[in-house]
Amino acid sequence: MTPTEFRRELHRHPELSFREERTARFISEALTEAGIDHRPIAGTGILARIEGVGDTKRAVVLRADIDALPIHEAADVEWRSENEGVMHACGHDIHAAVLYGVLCKLAETRDFEGTIFGLFQPGEECNPGGASLVLAENPFEGYDVRAVIGEHVEPKLPVGTFGFREGKYMASSDELRFTVKGKGGHAALRADLHDAVVAAAELIVRLNAMNSEDTILSTGKVVAEGATNVIPDEVYIEGTLRTFDEAVRRIGKEEIEAVVADVDARHATSSVVDISQGFPCVINDEELTDIARTLAAERFEAVELELRPTAEDFGFYTVRYPSLFYRLGVGGSGATHTSEFCPDERAITAGIEFMHLLTLKLTNQNGKETK
C-alpha cells in the first residue's frame, strides 16, 4: 500500500476524537502487512516500534494524530468522506500517511542507531488530549528519548516548504464554562429580579478586557433561554483562554475567578466557574529546531514561523522530552478546520522524505546529545 492510498483510506472513513476504532484497525493491519511491530495505546491509538542497531535504549519518537472533526466535507474528490458530517479537515490523515511512509522506509533498511517509535495518537482535537493519555501510560519508560518529532499541515505554505520556530511556538489552551445564576421573572418587574442576563453581559465585557499581548480570551457561546418579556434564572457561557507563558496562564485563571466574584457581588447573582485544564504551550527545543531547519534548507525550502495562538496537545510532549513541532507545506485549497480544505497530496512524498532524513540525522549522531 502506498502512503497516498493509506491517506485516502483514512480520509474516506474519518472518526472523531477517541472514537477512532476503525482507524486504529486499519493502521494496525497496514503495519502488520509491512512487518512492523505495534500495539494499542491510549485506547484508540497505535504505537509502533522498530529497532535499529547499536544502543536500542536510545529512542526517537515520531508522532502523528489521527482524529477528525465534525465538519461536512465540501470538496468534490474521489476519496471524500463517507462518514456524513465528519471530515479530516485538519490534515491528520496526511500526518498519519507521512508517518506510515517513514516507518515503512525505516523497517526496510533499519539503517539507524537505537529505537524508533511511531505514535499514531488519538484525540488531539479535544480535552484532555490524547497526548496526555499516551504519557500517562509511560510507554517510553526505560528509554533515553532524544527527541519527539511532530508535524502539522500548513496550506499557506507550498509543497516542498517547511516552517520552523524555536522556543515558544503555540499557545496553551483552557476551556472556560460559566453558569450565571440569578432570579428570573417578568421582564417588566425588574425590582423583583436578580438579572442573570445583565450580569452575564458585564462578565463577557470584562473577560474580553483581559485580552493583551500575552493573553487571548474569547467567548464563543452564550445561552439565555428567556423571551421578550421573560428574564431567565440563569445564563450559560463558554469560551477559551490562550497564553504563551505558564505564569501568565495561572494568573489569568486567578483573574477570571476574581472578575466573576465581583460581578456576582454587583448583581446579587451566584456563578459557577468551570475552567477545564487544556494543553500546555508548544515549546520547541532550540537545538532540534536548528538541526531540522538546516536539513530542510539543504533539500527543500525552510521558512520562519510566527508565534501561533492556536493550541496543540503536542505541548504535553514538549514539557517532558526534547521536542520539535514543525509545519509541512501542503498548498491546495481551503483553510484547515473548514469544509473546503483540500491539500495537495504531493506533500506526502515531501513530508516522508524530510521526516525520514531528520530521523536518520537524529539517530546516527554517534551518541551526540540533542539537548
Foldseek 3Di string as FASTA:
>chain_A
DALVVQLLVLFQEAAAFLPCQVVLVSVVVLCVVLVWDWDDFLRSKIKTKDAADDAQLAEEEEEAERHWDQAAADDDDPSHYPPGRTGRLFCSSLQVSLLSLLVSVCNVPSPFHYMYMYIHFGGWPDPPHRVVRRVVVVPSPSHNHQEYEYETADQVFAQQEKEFDAFFAEWFKKKKKKKKFWAKDWQVPPVVILAQVVLVVVLQVVLCVPDDPFKDKHKDDKDFPADPTIRGRIMMTIIMIIGRDVVVVVVSVVVSVVSNVVSCVVRVIDMDIDIGGYAHTAHAHPLLRVLLQVLSVVRGHYDYDDRYHHDTNCRVVVVPHRYTYMYQYFNDDDGRPHSHDDGHSVSSVVSNVSVSVSNRVSRPPVPDRSD
